[in-house]
Structures are given as C-alpha cells and as structure tokens.
PDB file of N, CA and C in Angstrom:
ATOM      1  N   MET A   1     -46.048 -53.733 -50.734  1.00  0.00           N
ATOM      2  CA  MET A   1     -47.213 -54.565 -50.925  1.00  0.00           C
ATOM      3  C   MET A   1     -46.799 -56.020 -50.758  1.00  0.00           C
ATOM      4  N   LYS A   2     -47.587 -56.777 -49.974  1.00  0.00           N
ATOM      5  CA  LYS A   2     -47.293 -58.198 -49.744  1.00  0.00           C
ATOM      6  C   LYS A   2     -48.245 -59.062 -50.565  1.00  0.00           C
ATOM      7  N   LEU A   3     -47.671 -60.090 -51.191  1.00  0.00           N
ATOM      8  CA  LEU A   3     -48.422 -60.948 -52.102  1.00  0.00           C
ATOM      9  C   LEU A   3     -48.413 -62.385 -51.605  1.00  0.00           C
ATOM     10  N   LEU A   4     -49.604 -62.978 -51.497  1.00  0.00           N
ATOM     11  CA  LEU A   4     -49.804 -64.365 -51.086  1.00  0.00           C
ATOM     12  C   LEU A   4     -50.324 -65.163 -52.273  1.00  0.00           C
ATOM     13  N   GLY A   5     -49.816 -66.362 -52.441  1.00  0.00           N
ATOM     14  CA  GLY A   5     -50.323 -67.261 -53.468  1.00  0.00           C
ATOM     15  C   GLY A   5     -50.834 -68.536 -52.825  1.00  0.00           C
ATOM     16  N   ILE A   6     -51.877 -69.101 -53.395  1.00  0.00           N
ATOM     17  CA  ILE A   6     -52.419 -70.373 -52.935  1.00  0.00           C
ATOM     18  C   ILE A   6     -52.592 -71.259 -54.157  1.00  0.00           C
ATOM     19  N   ALA A   7     -52.082 -72.497 -54.057  1.00  0.00           N
ATOM     20  CA  ALA A   7     -52.162 -73.430 -55.178  1.00  0.00           C
ATOM     21  C   ALA A   7     -52.513 -74.823 -54.669  1.00  0.00           C
ATOM     22  N   ILE A   8     -53.109 -75.604 -55.539  1.00  0.00           N
ATOM     23  CA  ILE A   8     -53.435 -76.994 -55.259  1.00  0.00           C
ATOM     24  C   ILE A   8     -52.676 -77.836 -56.272  1.00  0.00           C
ATOM     25  N   THR A   9     -52.067 -78.930 -55.814  1.00  0.00           N
ATOM     26  CA  THR A   9     -51.253 -79.724 -56.722  1.00  0.00           C
ATOM     27  C   THR A   9     -51.369 -81.223 -56.449  1.00  0.00           C
ATOM     28  N   TYR A  10     -51.058 -81.974 -57.487  1.00  0.00           N
ATOM     29  CA  TYR A  10     -50.912 -83.424 -57.380  1.00  0.00           C
ATOM     30  C   TYR A  10     -49.989 -83.880 -58.508  1.00  0.00           C
ATOM     31  N   ASN A  11     -48.850 -84.428 -58.151  1.00  0.00           N
ATOM     32  CA  ASN A  11     -47.876 -84.951 -59.118  1.00  0.00           C
ATOM     33  C   ASN A  11     -47.561 -83.960 -60.242  1.00  0.00           C
ATOM     34  N   GLU A  12     -47.111 -82.794 -59.859  1.00  0.00           N
ATOM     35  CA  GLU A  12     -46.760 -81.753 -60.822  1.00  0.00           C
ATOM     36  C   GLU A  12     -45.249 -81.513 -60.876  1.00  0.00           C
ATOM     37  N   GLY A  13     -44.461 -82.479 -60.448  1.00  0.00           N
ATOM     38  CA  GLY A  13     -43.013 -82.323 -60.405  1.00  0.00           C
ATOM     39  C   GLY A  13     -42.384 -81.711 -61.644  1.00  0.00           C
ATOM     40  N   PRO A  14     -42.711 -82.196 -62.857  1.00  0.00           N
ATOM     41  CA  PRO A  14     -42.080 -81.630 -64.055  1.00  0.00           C
ATOM     42  C   PRO A  14     -42.401 -80.147 -64.278  1.00  0.00           C
ATOM     43  N   ARG A  15     -43.505 -79.675 -63.738  1.00  0.00           N
ATOM     44  CA  ARG A  15     -43.907 -78.282 -63.942  1.00  0.00           C
ATOM     45  C   ARG A  15     -43.449 -77.349 -62.822  1.00  0.00           C
ATOM     46  N   VAL A  16     -43.004 -77.896 -61.707  1.00  0.00           N
ATOM     47  CA  VAL A  16     -42.639 -77.066 -60.554  1.00  0.00           C
ATOM     48  C   VAL A  16     -41.620 -75.980 -60.899  1.00  0.00           C
ATOM     49  N   PRO A  17     -40.521 -76.255 -61.593  1.00  0.00           N
ATOM     50  CA  PRO A  17     -39.555 -75.180 -61.875  1.00  0.00           C
ATOM     51  C   PRO A  17     -40.167 -74.015 -62.658  1.00  0.00           C
ATOM     52  N   TYR A  18     -41.059 -74.300 -63.577  1.00  0.00           N
ATOM     53  CA  TYR A  18     -41.673 -73.245 -64.388  1.00  0.00           C
ATOM     54  C   TYR A  18     -42.660 -72.415 -63.571  1.00  0.00           C
ATOM     55  N   VAL A  19     -43.451 -73.089 -62.759  1.00  0.00           N
ATOM     56  CA  VAL A  19     -44.424 -72.390 -61.923  1.00  0.00           C
ATOM     57  C   VAL A  19     -43.711 -71.533 -60.878  1.00  0.00           C
ATOM     58  N   MET A  20     -42.666 -72.080 -60.280  1.00  0.00           N
ATOM     59  CA  MET A  20     -41.926 -71.324 -59.275  1.00  0.00           C
ATOM     60  C   MET A  20     -41.229 -70.114 -59.888  1.00  0.00           C
ATOM     61  N   ALA A  21     -40.715 -70.258 -61.096  1.00  0.00           N
ATOM     62  CA  ALA A  21     -40.094 -69.114 -61.778  1.00  0.00           C
ATOM     63  C   ALA A  21     -41.126 -68.014 -61.992  1.00  0.00           C
ATOM     64  N   TYR A  22     -42.343 -68.387 -62.334  1.00  0.00           N
ATOM     65  CA  TYR A  22     -43.425 -67.411 -62.520  1.00  0.00           C
ATOM     66  C   TYR A  22     -43.707 -66.675 -61.215  1.00  0.00           C
ATOM     67  N   TYR A  23     -43.869 -67.420 -60.122  1.00  0.00           N
ATOM     68  CA  TYR A  23     -44.177 -66.784 -58.844  1.00  0.00           C
ATOM     69  C   TYR A  23     -43.016 -65.930 -58.340  1.00  0.00           C
ATOM     70  N   GLU A  24     -41.802 -66.347 -58.597  1.00  0.00           N
ATOM     71  CA  GLU A  24     -40.651 -65.529 -58.213  1.00  0.00           C
ATOM     72  C   GLU A  24     -40.645 -64.215 -58.985  1.00  0.00           C
ATOM     73  N   ARG A  25     -40.973 -64.261 -60.281  1.00  0.00           N
ATOM     74  CA  ARG A  25     -41.055 -63.026 -61.082  1.00  0.00           C
ATOM     75  C   ARG A  25     -42.143 -62.102 -60.551  1.00  0.00           C
ATOM     76  N   LEU A  26     -43.228 -62.681 -60.026  1.00  0.00           N
ATOM     77  CA  LEU A  26     -44.288 -61.853 -59.445  1.00  0.00           C
ATOM     78  C   LEU A  26     -43.835 -61.171 -58.161  1.00  0.00           C
ATOM     79  N   GLY A  27     -42.787 -61.708 -57.546  1.00  0.00           N
ATOM     80  CA  GLY A  27     -42.319 -61.177 -56.275  1.00  0.00           C
ATOM     81  C   GLY A  27     -43.168 -61.651 -55.106  1.00  0.00           C
ATOM     82  N   ILE A  28     -43.681 -62.865 -55.221  1.00  0.00           N
ATOM     83  CA  ILE A  28     -44.561 -63.409 -54.194  1.00  0.00           C
ATOM     84  C   ILE A  28     -43.815 -63.539 -52.867  1.00  0.00           C
ATOM     85  N   ASP A  29     -44.508 -63.203 -51.785  1.00  0.00           N
ATOM     86  CA  ASP A  29     -43.915 -63.312 -50.454  1.00  0.00           C
ATOM     87  C   ASP A  29     -44.115 -64.694 -49.851  1.00  0.00           C
ATOM     88  N   LYS A  30     -45.261 -65.304 -50.124  1.00  0.00           N
ATOM     89  CA  LYS A  30     -45.547 -66.634 -49.596  1.00  0.00           C
ATOM     90  C   LYS A  30     -46.468 -67.364 -50.563  1.00  0.00           C
ATOM     91  N   LEU A  31     -46.141 -68.637 -50.814  1.00  0.00           N
ATOM     92  CA  LEU A  31     -46.982 -69.493 -51.636  1.00  0.00           C
ATOM     93  C   LEU A  31     -47.366 -70.699 -50.790  1.00  0.00           C
ATOM     94  N   ILE A  32     -48.639 -70.855 -50.548  1.00  0.00           N
ATOM     95  CA  ILE A  32     -49.139 -72.002 -49.808  1.00  0.00           C
ATOM     96  C   ILE A  32     -49.616 -73.014 -50.834  1.00  0.00           C
ATOM     97  N   VAL A  33     -49.016 -74.202 -50.807  1.00  0.00           N
ATOM     98  CA  VAL A  33     -49.355 -75.240 -51.769  1.00  0.00           C
ATOM     99  C   VAL A  33     -50.039 -76.387 -51.032  1.00  0.00           C
ATOM    100  N   PHE A  34     -51.251 -76.677 -51.429  1.00  0.00           N
ATOM    101  CA  PHE A  34     -51.985 -77.819 -50.907  1.00  0.00           C
ATOM    102  C   PHE A  34     -51.656 -79.003 -51.800  1.00  0.00           C
ATOM    103  N   ASP A  35     -50.912 -79.942 -51.257  1.00  0.00           N
ATOM    104  CA  ASP A  35     -50.476 -81.098 -52.023  1.00  0.00           C
ATOM    105  C   ASP A  35     -51.394 -82.279 -51.737  1.00  0.00           C
ATOM    106  N   ASN A  36     -52.002 -82.793 -52.785  1.00  0.00           N
ATOM    107  CA  ASN A  36     -52.941 -83.909 -52.665  1.00  0.00           C
ATOM    108  C   ASN A  36     -52.180 -85.236 -52.671  1.00  0.00           C
ATOM    109  N   MET A  37     -51.207 -85.342 -51.743  1.00  0.00           N
ATOM    110  CA  MET A  37     -50.436 -86.564 -51.516  1.00  0.00           C
ATOM    111  C   MET A  37     -49.704 -87.027 -52.786  1.00  0.00           C
ATOM    112  N   SER A  38     -48.972 -86.120 -53.392  1.00  0.00           N
ATOM    113  CA  SER A  38     -48.204 -86.439 -54.599  1.00  0.00           C
ATOM    114  C   SER A  38     -47.295 -87.641 -54.366  1.00  0.00           C
ATOM    115  N   THR A  39     -47.143 -88.445 -55.409  1.00  0.00           N
ATOM    116  CA  THR A  39     -46.283 -89.623 -55.330  1.00  0.00           C
ATOM    117  C   THR A  39     -45.015 -89.458 -56.172  1.00  0.00           C
ATOM    118  N   ASP A  40     -44.862 -88.315 -56.807  1.00  0.00           N
ATOM    119  CA  ASP A  40     -43.633 -88.042 -57.557  1.00  0.00           C
ATOM    120  C   ASP A  40     -42.745 -87.137 -56.698  1.00  0.00           C
ATOM    121  N   ASN A  41     -41.919 -86.326 -57.290  1.00  0.00           N
ATOM    122  CA  ASN A  41     -40.994 -85.474 -56.553  1.00  0.00           C
ATOM    123  C   ASN A  41     -41.520 -84.053 -56.324  1.00  0.00           C
ATOM    124  N   THR A  42     -42.805 -83.847 -56.448  1.00  0.00           N
ATOM    125  CA  THR A  42     -43.395 -82.517 -56.288  1.00  0.00           C
ATOM    126  C   THR A  42     -43.018 -81.891 -54.943  1.00  0.00           C
ATOM    127  N   ARG A  43     -43.253 -82.602 -53.859  1.00  0.00           N
ATOM    128  CA  ARG A  43     -42.990 -82.056 -52.518  1.00  0.00           C
ATOM    129  C   ARG A  43     -41.512 -81.704 -52.334  1.00  0.00           C
ATOM    130  N   GLU A  44     -40.632 -82.568 -52.789  1.00  0.00           N
ATOM    131  CA  GLU A  44     -39.206 -82.319 -52.632  1.00  0.00           C
ATOM    132  C   GLU A  44     -38.782 -81.063 -53.403  1.00  0.00           C
ATOM    133  N   LEU A  45     -39.284 -80.922 -54.606  1.00  0.00           N
ATOM    134  CA  LEU A  45     -38.953 -79.740 -55.410  1.00  0.00           C
ATOM    135  C   LEU A  45     -39.500 -78.471 -54.771  1.00  0.00           C
ATOM    136  N   LEU A  46     -40.737 -78.505 -54.320  1.00  0.00           N
ATOM    137  CA  LEU A  46     -41.350 -77.325 -53.700  1.00  0.00           C
ATOM    138  C   LEU A  46     -40.625 -76.915 -52.426  1.00  0.00           C
ATOM    139  N   SER A  47     -40.160 -77.901 -51.673  1.00  0.00           N
ATOM    140  CA  SER A  47     -39.528 -77.596 -50.386  1.00  0.00           C
ATOM    141  C   SER A  47     -38.201 -76.851 -50.538  1.00  0.00           C
ATOM    142  N   LYS A  48     -37.672 -76.777 -51.732  1.00  0.00           N
ATOM    143  CA  LYS A  48     -36.424 -76.052 -51.970  1.00  0.00           C
ATOM    144  C   LYS A  48     -36.623 -74.540 -52.010  1.00  0.00           C
ATOM    145  N   TYR A  49     -37.854 -74.103 -52.094  1.00  0.00           N
ATOM    146  CA  TYR A  49     -38.157 -72.679 -52.192  1.00  0.00           C
ATOM    147  C   TYR A  49     -38.541 -72.143 -50.823  1.00  0.00           C
ATOM    148  N   PRO A  50     -37.797 -71.166 -50.316  1.00  0.00           N
ATOM    149  CA  PRO A  50     -38.041 -70.688 -48.945  1.00  0.00           C
ATOM    150  C   PRO A  50     -39.401 -70.011 -48.752  1.00  0.00           C
ATOM    151  N   PHE A  51     -40.020 -69.532 -49.820  1.00  0.00           N
ATOM    152  CA  PHE A  51     -41.302 -68.844 -49.681  1.00  0.00           C
ATOM    153  C   PHE A  51     -42.495 -69.798 -49.780  1.00  0.00           C
ATOM    154  N   VAL A  52     -42.233 -71.092 -49.920  1.00  0.00           N
ATOM    155  CA  VAL A  52     -43.306 -72.087 -50.085  1.00  0.00           C
ATOM    156  C   VAL A  52     -43.608 -72.781 -48.763  1.00  0.00           C
ATOM    157  N   GLU A  53     -44.896 -72.872 -48.466  1.00  0.00           N
ATOM    158  CA  GLU A  53     -45.377 -73.662 -47.332  1.00  0.00           C
ATOM    159  C   GLU A  53     -46.269 -74.759 -47.907  1.00  0.00           C
ATOM    160  N   ILE A  54     -45.934 -76.013 -47.605  1.00  0.00           N
ATOM    161  CA  ILE A  54     -46.691 -77.148 -48.143  1.00  0.00           C
ATOM    162  C   ILE A  54     -47.653 -77.649 -47.077  1.00  0.00           C
ATOM    163  N   LYS A  55     -48.899 -77.811 -47.490  1.00  0.00           N
ATOM    164  CA  LYS A  55     -49.923 -78.355 -46.598  1.00  0.00           C
ATOM    165  C   LYS A  55     -50.469 -79.640 -47.218  1.00  0.00           C
ATOM    166  N   ASP A  56     -50.686 -80.643 -46.382  1.00  0.00           N
ATOM    167  CA  ASP A  56     -51.279 -81.882 -46.870  1.00  0.00           C
ATOM    168  C   ASP A  56     -52.748 -81.668 -47.202  1.00  0.00           C
ATOM    169  N   TYR A  57     -53.174 -82.301 -48.277  1.00  0.00           N
ATOM    170  CA  TYR A  57     -54.533 -82.171 -48.785  1.00  0.00           C
ATOM    171  C   TYR A  57     -54.885 -83.543 -49.346  1.00  0.00           C
ATOM    172  N   ASP A  58     -55.459 -84.398 -48.531  1.00  0.00           N
ATOM    173  CA  ASP A  58     -55.678 -85.790 -48.910  1.00  0.00           C
ATOM    174  C   ASP A  58     -57.142 -86.048 -49.247  1.00  0.00           C
ATOM    175  N   THR A  59     -57.389 -86.335 -50.511  1.00  0.00           N
ATOM    176  CA  THR A  59     -58.754 -86.668 -50.944  1.00  0.00           C
ATOM    177  C   THR A  59     -58.874 -88.154 -51.243  1.00  0.00           C
ATOM    178  N   GLY A  60     -57.876 -88.931 -50.837  1.00  0.00           N
ATOM    179  CA  GLY A  60     -57.903 -90.362 -51.102  1.00  0.00           C
ATOM    180  C   GLY A  60     -57.735 -90.692 -52.572  1.00  0.00           C
ATOM    181  N   GLY A  61     -57.059 -89.821 -53.319  1.00  0.00           N
ATOM    182  CA  GLY A  61     -56.805 -90.068 -54.731  1.00  0.00           C
ATOM    183  C   GLY A  61     -57.953 -89.705 -55.655  1.00  0.00           C
ATOM    184  N   ILE A  62     -58.982 -89.114 -55.113  1.00  0.00           N
ATOM    185  CA  ILE A  62     -60.159 -88.738 -55.900  1.00  0.00           C
ATOM    186  C   ILE A  62     -60.228 -87.218 -55.986  1.00  0.00           C
ATOM    187  N   PHE A  63     -60.505 -86.695 -57.163  1.00  0.00           N
ATOM    188  CA  PHE A  63     -60.696 -85.257 -57.303  1.00  0.00           C
ATOM    189  C   PHE A  63     -61.927 -84.861 -56.501  1.00  0.00           C
ATOM    190  N   ASN A  64     -61.784 -83.865 -55.660  1.00  0.00           N
ATOM    191  CA  ASN A  64     -62.873 -83.449 -54.787  1.00  0.00           C
ATOM    192  C   ASN A  64     -63.136 -81.960 -54.984  1.00  0.00           C
ATOM    193  N   GLU A  65     -64.123 -81.629 -55.799  1.00  0.00           N
ATOM    194  CA  GLU A  65     -64.412 -80.238 -56.122  1.00  0.00           C
ATOM    195  C   GLU A  65     -64.838 -79.437 -54.899  1.00  0.00           C
ATOM    196  N   SER A  66     -65.522 -80.081 -53.962  1.00  0.00           N
ATOM    197  CA  SER A  66     -65.946 -79.379 -52.758  1.00  0.00           C
ATOM    198  C   SER A  66     -64.744 -78.901 -51.938  1.00  0.00           C
ATOM    199  N   MET A  67     -63.757 -79.775 -51.757  1.00  0.00           N
ATOM    200  CA  MET A  67     -62.551 -79.380 -51.028  1.00  0.00           C
ATOM    201  C   MET A  67     -61.774 -78.317 -51.795  1.00  0.00           C
ATOM    202  N   ASN A  68     -61.682 -78.463 -53.108  1.00  0.00           N
ATOM    203  CA  ASN A  68     -60.999 -77.460 -53.925  1.00  0.00           C
ATOM    204  C   ASN A  68     -61.672 -76.102 -53.787  1.00  0.00           C
ATOM    205  N   ALA A  69     -62.988 -76.080 -53.844  1.00  0.00           N
ATOM    206  CA  ALA A  69     -63.730 -74.828 -53.738  1.00  0.00           C
ATOM    207  C   ALA A  69     -63.530 -74.187 -52.368  1.00  0.00           C
ATOM    208  N   THR A  70     -63.509 -74.997 -51.330  1.00  0.00           N
ATOM    209  CA  THR A  70     -63.288 -74.464 -49.983  1.00  0.00           C
ATOM    210  C   THR A  70     -61.923 -73.797 -49.891  1.00  0.00           C
ATOM    211  N   ILE A  71     -60.905 -74.457 -50.409  1.00  0.00           N
ATOM    212  CA  ILE A  71     -59.563 -73.865 -50.393  1.00  0.00           C
ATOM    213  C   ILE A  71     -59.545 -72.568 -51.190  1.00  0.00           C
ATOM    214  N   LYS A  72     -60.055 -72.607 -52.403  1.00  0.00           N
ATOM    215  CA  LYS A  72     -60.013 -71.439 -53.280  1.00  0.00           C
ATOM    216  C   LYS A  72     -60.824 -70.267 -52.741  1.00  0.00           C
ATOM    217  N   ASN A  73     -61.952 -70.537 -52.125  1.00  0.00           N
ATOM    218  CA  ASN A  73     -62.864 -69.475 -51.719  1.00  0.00           C
ATOM    219  C   ASN A  73     -62.707 -69.000 -50.282  1.00  0.00           C
ATOM    220  N   HIS A  74     -62.066 -69.795 -49.428  1.00  0.00           N
ATOM    221  CA  HIS A  74     -62.065 -69.432 -48.020  1.00  0.00           C
ATOM    222  C   HIS A  74     -60.701 -69.380 -47.350  1.00  0.00           C
ATOM    223  N   TYR A  75     -59.756 -70.176 -47.789  1.00  0.00           N
ATOM    224  CA  TYR A  75     -58.502 -70.278 -47.061  1.00  0.00           C
ATOM    225  C   TYR A  75     -57.751 -68.958 -46.992  1.00  0.00           C
ATOM    226  N   TRP A  76     -57.789 -68.177 -48.046  1.00  0.00           N
ATOM    227  CA  TRP A  76     -57.073 -66.909 -48.101  1.00  0.00           C
ATOM    228  C   TRP A  76     -57.526 -65.952 -47.007  1.00  0.00           C
ATOM    229  N   LYS A  77     -58.755 -66.104 -46.546  1.00  0.00           N
ATOM    230  CA  LYS A  77     -59.300 -65.173 -45.558  1.00  0.00           C
ATOM    231  C   LYS A  77     -58.514 -65.177 -44.253  1.00  0.00           C
ATOM    232  N   SER A  78     -57.925 -66.312 -43.909  1.00  0.00           N
ATOM    233  CA  SER A  78     -57.142 -66.369 -42.675  1.00  0.00           C
ATOM    234  C   SER A  78     -55.831 -65.583 -42.782  1.00  0.00           C
ATOM    235  N   TYR A  79     -55.467 -65.179 -43.988  1.00  0.00           N
ATOM    236  CA  TYR A  79     -54.249 -64.406 -44.216  1.00  0.00           C
ATOM    237  C   TYR A  79     -54.542 -62.968 -44.651  1.00  0.00           C
ATOM    238  N   ALA A  80     -55.793 -62.590 -44.743  1.00  0.00           N
ATOM    239  CA  ALA A  80     -56.170 -61.276 -45.268  1.00  0.00           C
ATOM    240  C   ALA A  80     -55.553 -60.122 -44.479  1.00  0.00           C
ATOM    241  N   HIS A  81     -55.330 -60.308 -43.192  1.00  0.00           N
ATOM    242  CA  HIS A  81     -54.754 -59.238 -42.378  1.00  0.00           C
ATOM    243  C   HIS A  81     -53.240 -59.089 -42.590  1.00  0.00           C
ATOM    244  N   GLU A  82     -52.605 -60.076 -43.220  1.00  0.00           N
ATOM    245  CA  GLU A  82     -51.154 -60.044 -43.423  1.00  0.00           C
ATOM    246  C   GLU A  82     -50.742 -59.650 -44.829  1.00  0.00           C
ATOM    247  N   TYR A  83     -51.596 -59.920 -45.818  1.00  0.00           N
ATOM    248  CA  TYR A  83     -51.224 -59.732 -47.222  1.00  0.00           C
ATOM    249  C   TYR A  83     -52.185 -58.782 -47.915  1.00  0.00           C
ATOM    250  N   ASP A  84     -51.628 -58.053 -48.890  1.00  0.00           N
ATOM    251  CA  ASP A  84     -52.445 -57.102 -49.649  1.00  0.00           C
ATOM    252  C   ASP A  84     -53.199 -57.749 -50.792  1.00  0.00           C
ATOM    253  N   TRP A  85     -52.598 -58.786 -51.407  1.00  0.00           N
ATOM    254  CA  TRP A  85     -53.209 -59.471 -52.551  1.00  0.00           C
ATOM    255  C   TRP A  85     -53.011 -60.975 -52.422  1.00  0.00           C
ATOM    256  N   CYS A  86     -53.938 -61.713 -53.010  1.00  0.00           N
ATOM    257  CA  CYS A  86     -53.834 -63.166 -53.057  1.00  0.00           C
ATOM    258  C   CYS A  86     -54.073 -63.629 -54.490  1.00  0.00           C
ATOM    259  N   VAL A  87     -53.188 -64.509 -54.969  1.00  0.00           N
ATOM    260  CA  VAL A  87     -53.352 -65.092 -56.316  1.00  0.00           C
ATOM    261  C   VAL A  87     -53.434 -66.601 -56.200  1.00  0.00           C
TER     262      VAL A  87
END
C-alpha cells in the first residue's frame, strides 16, 4: 500500500523534526509540503527528508482559506492513480 501526505506550512521549523518523525512512523511514501514562503529554516529542514517534495505556495503573507481549501480538496486527485491513501 502506498501512502501520500499533503501539508501546508509557514515558519514551522521548530516542529519539523516531530512532524517528520510522525510521518516516518506512518511509513509515508511521499509528503508534498506547500510552503507559504517560510522565512525561518522550515525549507532547509524539510529538504533533508528524501520523501518530501516542497512546493511554493505564496499568498503574500496573508492567510488564504480559498487556496488552502483548493489544496486540501483537490490537489490529491492528481496523485490518486499512484497512491492508495492520502493524509
């Protein structure tokens, strides 16, 4: 069974090791992280994990529920043929 994860982040550097440990325990095959132009070390920390793919997600520093909803509700569909589950 193949497992895909999708996450949205902004300046979550201090939490990255804990979140990644969780996803590793799940046995995730790929984690796609939409980074809202973090200004801390989030991107650098995430890039150390071979199963992580980072995508830019720029809302100009403003929380954008419409963009978040689009990612959460639709992005996984482009991977549905490759993965059995998405978290």
